[in-house]
Amino acid sequence: MLTLPEIGLYFSFLLFLVGLAGVMFRKNILFMMVSVEILLNAANLAFVSASKITGTIDGQVVMFFVMAVAACEAAVGLALIIALYRTKASIEADDLKALRG
């Protein structure tokens, strides 16, 4: 029988696959950002599950750093989306070439 942390590891693997597919196959930058957030949350779940399996708090500490990275990524990503929308009135990934200086 699988324990709860092992189920968490398998679920984090499935979440990671969903996020990876979203980044690879979507053209809309908003959906790509949501997929990156899913990737980071899958990593967080894997860290916490592994931390529970090993009996240490190391994974939970790393999770807080990953959450900080996710917050920074969201701020920078939204700034890029706003800049792209102001120049092209579109948020497609193919239009990012317009932001080159």
N, C-alpha and C. Protein backbone atom coordinates (compact mmCIF):
# COMPACT_ATOMS: atom_id res chain seq x y z
N MET A 1 0.85 -1.19 0.00
CA MET A 1 0.00 0.00 0.00
C MET A 1 0.88 1.24 0.00
N LEU A 2 0.53 2.19 -0.80
CA LEU A 2 1.30 3.43 -0.88
C LEU A 2 0.98 4.33 0.31
N THR A 3 2.01 4.96 0.81
CA THR A 3 1.80 5.93 1.88
C THR A 3 1.49 7.29 1.26
N LEU A 4 1.05 8.22 2.09
CA LEU A 4 0.67 9.54 1.60
C LEU A 4 1.84 10.30 0.95
N PRO A 5 3.05 10.28 1.52
CA PRO A 5 4.16 10.96 0.83
C PRO A 5 4.51 10.35 -0.52
N GLU A 6 4.37 9.04 -0.65
CA GLU A 6 4.64 8.41 -1.94
C GLU A 6 3.59 8.81 -2.97
N ILE A 7 2.35 8.90 -2.54
CA ILE A 7 1.29 9.38 -3.44
C ILE A 7 1.58 10.82 -3.85
N GLY A 8 2.08 11.61 -2.91
CA GLY A 8 2.45 12.99 -3.22
C GLY A 8 3.55 13.06 -4.27
N LEU A 9 4.51 12.16 -4.20
CA LEU A 9 5.58 12.14 -5.21
C LEU A 9 5.04 11.77 -6.59
N TYR A 10 4.16 10.78 -6.64
CA TYR A 10 3.57 10.41 -7.93
C TYR A 10 2.70 11.54 -8.49
N PHE A 11 1.93 12.19 -7.61
CA PHE A 11 1.09 13.29 -8.05
C PHE A 11 1.93 14.47 -8.51
N SER A 12 3.05 14.71 -7.85
CA SER A 12 3.92 15.81 -8.29
C SER A 12 4.52 15.50 -9.67
N PHE A 13 4.81 14.23 -9.93
CA PHE A 13 5.29 13.85 -11.26
C PHE A 13 4.22 14.11 -12.32
N LEU A 14 2.97 13.78 -12.02
CA LEU A 14 1.90 14.04 -12.98
C LEU A 14 1.68 15.54 -13.19
N LEU A 15 1.75 16.31 -12.11
CA LEU A 15 1.63 17.76 -12.23
C LEU A 15 2.76 18.33 -13.07
N PHE A 16 3.95 17.82 -12.87
CA PHE A 16 5.09 18.29 -13.64
C PHE A 16 4.89 18.01 -15.12
N LEU A 17 4.36 16.83 -15.46
CA LEU A 17 4.10 16.51 -16.86
C LEU A 17 3.05 17.43 -17.47
N VAL A 18 2.01 17.75 -16.70
CA VAL A 18 0.98 18.65 -17.19
C VAL A 18 1.56 20.05 -17.44
N GLY A 19 2.37 20.53 -16.50
CA GLY A 19 2.99 21.84 -16.66
C GLY A 19 3.96 21.87 -17.83
N LEU A 20 4.72 20.81 -17.99
CA LEU A 20 5.67 20.74 -19.11
C LEU A 20 4.95 20.73 -20.45
N ALA A 21 3.86 19.99 -20.53
CA ALA A 21 3.08 19.98 -21.77
C ALA A 21 2.49 21.35 -22.04
N GLY A 22 2.06 22.05 -21.00
CA GLY A 22 1.52 23.39 -21.19
C GLY A 22 2.55 24.37 -21.70
N VAL A 23 3.77 24.28 -21.21
CA VAL A 23 4.83 25.18 -21.67
C VAL A 23 5.23 24.84 -23.10
N MET A 24 5.25 23.57 -23.42
CA MET A 24 5.72 23.17 -24.75
C MET A 24 4.70 23.43 -25.86
N PHE A 25 3.42 23.27 -25.57
CA PHE A 25 2.42 23.27 -26.64
C PHE A 25 1.54 24.51 -26.70
N ARG A 26 1.63 25.40 -25.75
CA ARG A 26 0.81 26.61 -25.76
C ARG A 26 1.55 27.75 -26.42
N LYS A 27 0.82 28.62 -27.08
CA LYS A 27 1.41 29.81 -27.70
C LYS A 27 1.12 31.07 -26.89
N ASN A 28 0.07 31.04 -26.09
CA ASN A 28 -0.32 32.19 -25.29
C ASN A 28 0.58 32.29 -24.07
N ILE A 29 1.12 33.48 -23.84
CA ILE A 29 2.09 33.65 -22.75
C ILE A 29 1.43 33.48 -21.39
N LEU A 30 0.17 33.88 -21.25
CA LEU A 30 -0.50 33.71 -19.96
C LEU A 30 -0.63 32.23 -19.59
N PHE A 31 -1.00 31.42 -20.56
CA PHE A 31 -1.09 29.99 -20.30
C PHE A 31 0.29 29.39 -20.02
N MET A 32 1.30 29.92 -20.69
CA MET A 32 2.66 29.44 -20.43
C MET A 32 3.09 29.79 -19.00
N MET A 33 2.73 30.97 -18.53
CA MET A 33 3.07 31.35 -17.16
C MET A 33 2.34 30.49 -16.14
N VAL A 34 1.08 30.18 -16.41
CA VAL A 34 0.33 29.29 -15.52
C VAL A 34 0.97 27.91 -15.50
N SER A 35 1.44 27.46 -16.65
CA SER A 35 2.10 26.15 -16.72
C SER A 35 3.42 26.16 -15.95
N VAL A 36 4.15 27.26 -15.99
CA VAL A 36 5.39 27.35 -15.21
C VAL A 36 5.07 27.34 -13.72
N GLU A 37 3.98 27.98 -13.33
CA GLU A 37 3.56 27.93 -11.93
C GLU A 37 3.19 26.51 -11.51
N ILE A 38 2.56 25.77 -12.41
CA ILE A 38 2.25 24.36 -12.13
C ILE A 38 3.54 23.56 -11.97
N LEU A 39 4.53 23.83 -12.81
CA LEU A 39 5.83 23.16 -12.68
C LEU A 39 6.46 23.44 -11.32
N LEU A 40 6.44 24.70 -10.90
CA LEU A 40 7.05 25.05 -9.61
C LEU A 40 6.27 24.45 -8.45
N ASN A 41 4.94 24.40 -8.56
CA ASN A 41 4.15 23.77 -7.50
C ASN A 41 4.39 22.27 -7.44
N ALA A 42 4.62 21.65 -8.58
CA ALA A 42 4.95 20.22 -8.59
C ALA A 42 6.29 19.99 -7.90
N ALA A 43 7.25 20.88 -8.14
CA ALA A 43 8.54 20.76 -7.45
C ALA A 43 8.36 20.95 -5.95
N ASN A 44 7.52 21.90 -5.55
CA ASN A 44 7.26 22.11 -4.13
C ASN A 44 6.66 20.87 -3.48
N LEU A 45 5.69 20.27 -4.17
CA LEU A 45 5.06 19.06 -3.63
C LEU A 45 6.07 17.92 -3.52
N ALA A 46 6.95 17.80 -4.49
CA ALA A 46 7.97 16.76 -4.44
C ALA A 46 8.94 17.01 -3.27
N PHE A 47 9.33 18.27 -3.08
CA PHE A 47 10.22 18.58 -1.96
C PHE A 47 9.58 18.26 -0.61
N VAL A 48 8.32 18.64 -0.45
CA VAL A 48 7.65 18.39 0.83
C VAL A 48 7.42 16.90 1.04
N SER A 49 7.06 16.18 0.00
CA SER A 49 6.85 14.73 0.12
C SER A 49 8.15 14.01 0.45
N ALA A 50 9.24 14.41 -0.21
CA ALA A 50 10.53 13.79 0.10
C ALA A 50 10.98 14.16 1.50
N SER A 51 10.65 15.34 1.94
CA SER A 51 10.99 15.75 3.30
C SER A 51 10.24 14.90 4.32
N LYS A 52 8.99 14.60 4.03
CA LYS A 52 8.21 13.75 4.93
C LYS A 52 8.75 12.32 4.93
N ILE A 53 9.18 11.83 3.78
CA ILE A 53 9.71 10.47 3.70
C ILE A 53 11.02 10.36 4.50
N THR A 54 11.90 11.35 4.35
CA THR A 54 13.19 11.29 5.04
C THR A 54 13.12 11.71 6.49
N GLY A 55 12.04 12.40 6.89
CA GLY A 55 11.90 12.80 8.28
C GLY A 55 12.66 14.07 8.63
N THR A 56 13.07 14.85 7.64
CA THR A 56 13.76 16.11 7.90
C THR A 56 12.89 17.26 7.41
N ILE A 57 13.33 18.48 7.69
CA ILE A 57 12.57 19.64 7.22
C ILE A 57 13.29 20.33 6.06
N ASP A 58 14.29 19.70 5.50
CA ASP A 58 15.05 20.32 4.42
C ASP A 58 14.18 20.64 3.21
N GLY A 59 13.30 19.75 2.83
CA GLY A 59 12.44 19.97 1.68
C GLY A 59 11.48 21.12 1.90
N GLN A 60 11.03 21.29 3.14
CA GLN A 60 10.12 22.39 3.44
C GLN A 60 10.84 23.73 3.40
N VAL A 61 12.11 23.74 3.77
CA VAL A 61 12.90 24.97 3.69
C VAL A 61 13.13 25.34 2.23
N VAL A 62 13.45 24.36 1.41
CA VAL A 62 13.68 24.61 -0.02
C VAL A 62 12.39 25.10 -0.67
N MET A 63 11.25 24.60 -0.19
CA MET A 63 9.96 25.01 -0.74
C MET A 63 9.75 26.52 -0.61
N PHE A 64 10.17 27.10 0.50
CA PHE A 64 10.01 28.54 0.67
C PHE A 64 10.86 29.33 -0.32
N PHE A 65 12.04 28.84 -0.62
CA PHE A 65 12.87 29.50 -1.63
C PHE A 65 12.25 29.37 -3.02
N VAL A 66 11.67 28.23 -3.32
CA VAL A 66 11.01 28.05 -4.61
C VAL A 66 9.79 28.97 -4.71
N MET A 67 9.09 29.17 -3.60
CA MET A 67 7.95 30.09 -3.61
C MET A 67 8.40 31.52 -3.87
N ALA A 68 9.56 31.90 -3.33
CA ALA A 68 10.09 33.24 -3.59
C ALA A 68 10.46 33.39 -5.06
N VAL A 69 11.06 32.37 -5.64
CA VAL A 69 11.39 32.40 -7.06
C VAL A 69 10.12 32.49 -7.90
N ALA A 70 9.07 31.79 -7.50
CA ALA A 70 7.82 31.83 -8.25
C ALA A 70 7.20 33.22 -8.19
N ALA A 71 7.30 33.89 -7.06
CA ALA A 71 6.76 35.25 -6.95
C ALA A 71 7.53 36.21 -7.85
N CYS A 72 8.85 36.08 -7.87
CA CYS A 72 9.66 36.94 -8.75
C CYS A 72 9.36 36.65 -10.21
N GLU A 73 9.21 35.39 -10.55
CA GLU A 73 8.91 35.01 -11.93
C GLU A 73 7.57 35.58 -12.37
N ALA A 74 6.59 35.57 -11.47
CA ALA A 74 5.28 36.12 -11.82
C ALA A 74 5.35 37.62 -12.05
N ALA A 75 6.11 38.33 -11.22
CA ALA A 75 6.22 39.78 -11.37
C ALA A 75 6.92 40.15 -12.68
N VAL A 76 8.03 39.50 -12.97
CA VAL A 76 8.77 39.80 -14.20
C VAL A 76 7.97 39.35 -15.43
N GLY A 77 7.34 38.21 -15.35
CA GLY A 77 6.54 37.72 -16.47
C GLY A 77 5.36 38.62 -16.78
N LEU A 78 4.68 39.10 -15.76
CA LEU A 78 3.56 40.01 -16.01
C LEU A 78 4.03 41.33 -16.58
N ALA A 79 5.20 41.81 -16.15
CA ALA A 79 5.75 43.03 -16.73
C ALA A 79 6.06 42.84 -18.21
N LEU A 80 6.60 41.68 -18.58
CA LEU A 80 6.86 41.40 -19.99
C LEU A 80 5.57 41.30 -20.79
N ILE A 81 4.55 40.72 -20.21
CA ILE A 81 3.27 40.61 -20.90
C ILE A 81 2.67 41.99 -21.14
N ILE A 82 2.75 42.86 -20.15
CA ILE A 82 2.23 44.22 -20.31
C ILE A 82 3.01 44.96 -21.39
N ALA A 83 4.33 44.83 -21.39
CA ALA A 83 5.14 45.49 -22.42
C ALA A 83 4.82 44.95 -23.80
N LEU A 84 4.62 43.65 -23.91
CA LEU A 84 4.28 43.06 -25.21
C LEU A 84 2.91 43.52 -25.68
N TYR A 85 1.96 43.57 -24.77
CA TYR A 85 0.61 43.98 -25.16
C TYR A 85 0.57 45.44 -25.59
N ARG A 86 1.39 46.27 -24.95
CA ARG A 86 1.42 47.69 -25.34
C ARG A 86 2.03 47.89 -26.73
N THR A 87 2.97 47.04 -27.12
CA THR A 87 3.60 47.22 -28.43
C THR A 87 2.84 46.51 -29.55
N LYS A 88 2.32 45.33 -29.29
CA LYS A 88 1.70 44.53 -30.35
C LYS A 88 0.20 44.29 -30.19
N ALA A 89 -0.37 44.62 -29.05
CA ALA A 89 -1.78 44.34 -28.75
C ALA A 89 -2.06 42.84 -28.88
N SER A 90 -1.09 42.04 -28.52
CA SER A 90 -1.21 40.59 -28.57
C SER A 90 -0.33 40.00 -27.48
N ILE A 91 -0.69 38.82 -27.00
CA ILE A 91 0.14 38.17 -25.98
C ILE A 91 0.55 36.77 -26.45
N GLU A 92 0.82 36.65 -27.71
CA GLU A 92 1.31 35.39 -28.26
C GLU A 92 2.82 35.32 -28.12
N ALA A 93 3.34 34.12 -27.95
CA ALA A 93 4.78 33.93 -27.74
C ALA A 93 5.59 34.29 -28.98
N ASP A 94 4.99 34.16 -30.14
CA ASP A 94 5.72 34.48 -31.38
C ASP A 94 5.99 35.97 -31.52
N ASP A 95 5.22 36.81 -30.83
CA ASP A 95 5.38 38.25 -30.92
C ASP A 95 6.45 38.81 -29.97
N LEU A 96 7.13 37.96 -29.22
CA LEU A 96 8.16 38.43 -28.29
C LEU A 96 9.37 39.02 -29.00
N LYS A 97 9.54 38.72 -30.26
CA LYS A 97 10.67 39.28 -31.02
C LYS A 97 10.53 40.80 -31.14
N ALA A 98 9.32 41.32 -30.97
CA ALA A 98 9.09 42.76 -31.10
C ALA A 98 9.70 43.53 -29.93
N LEU A 99 10.03 42.87 -28.84
CA LEU A 99 10.57 43.56 -27.66
C LEU A 99 12.07 43.75 -27.73
N ARG A 100 12.70 43.25 -28.76
CA ARG A 100 14.15 43.44 -28.88
C ARG A 100 14.45 44.89 -29.17
N GLY A 101 15.52 45.40 -28.54
CA GLY A 101 15.84 46.83 -28.66
C GLY A 101 16.63 47.18 -29.78
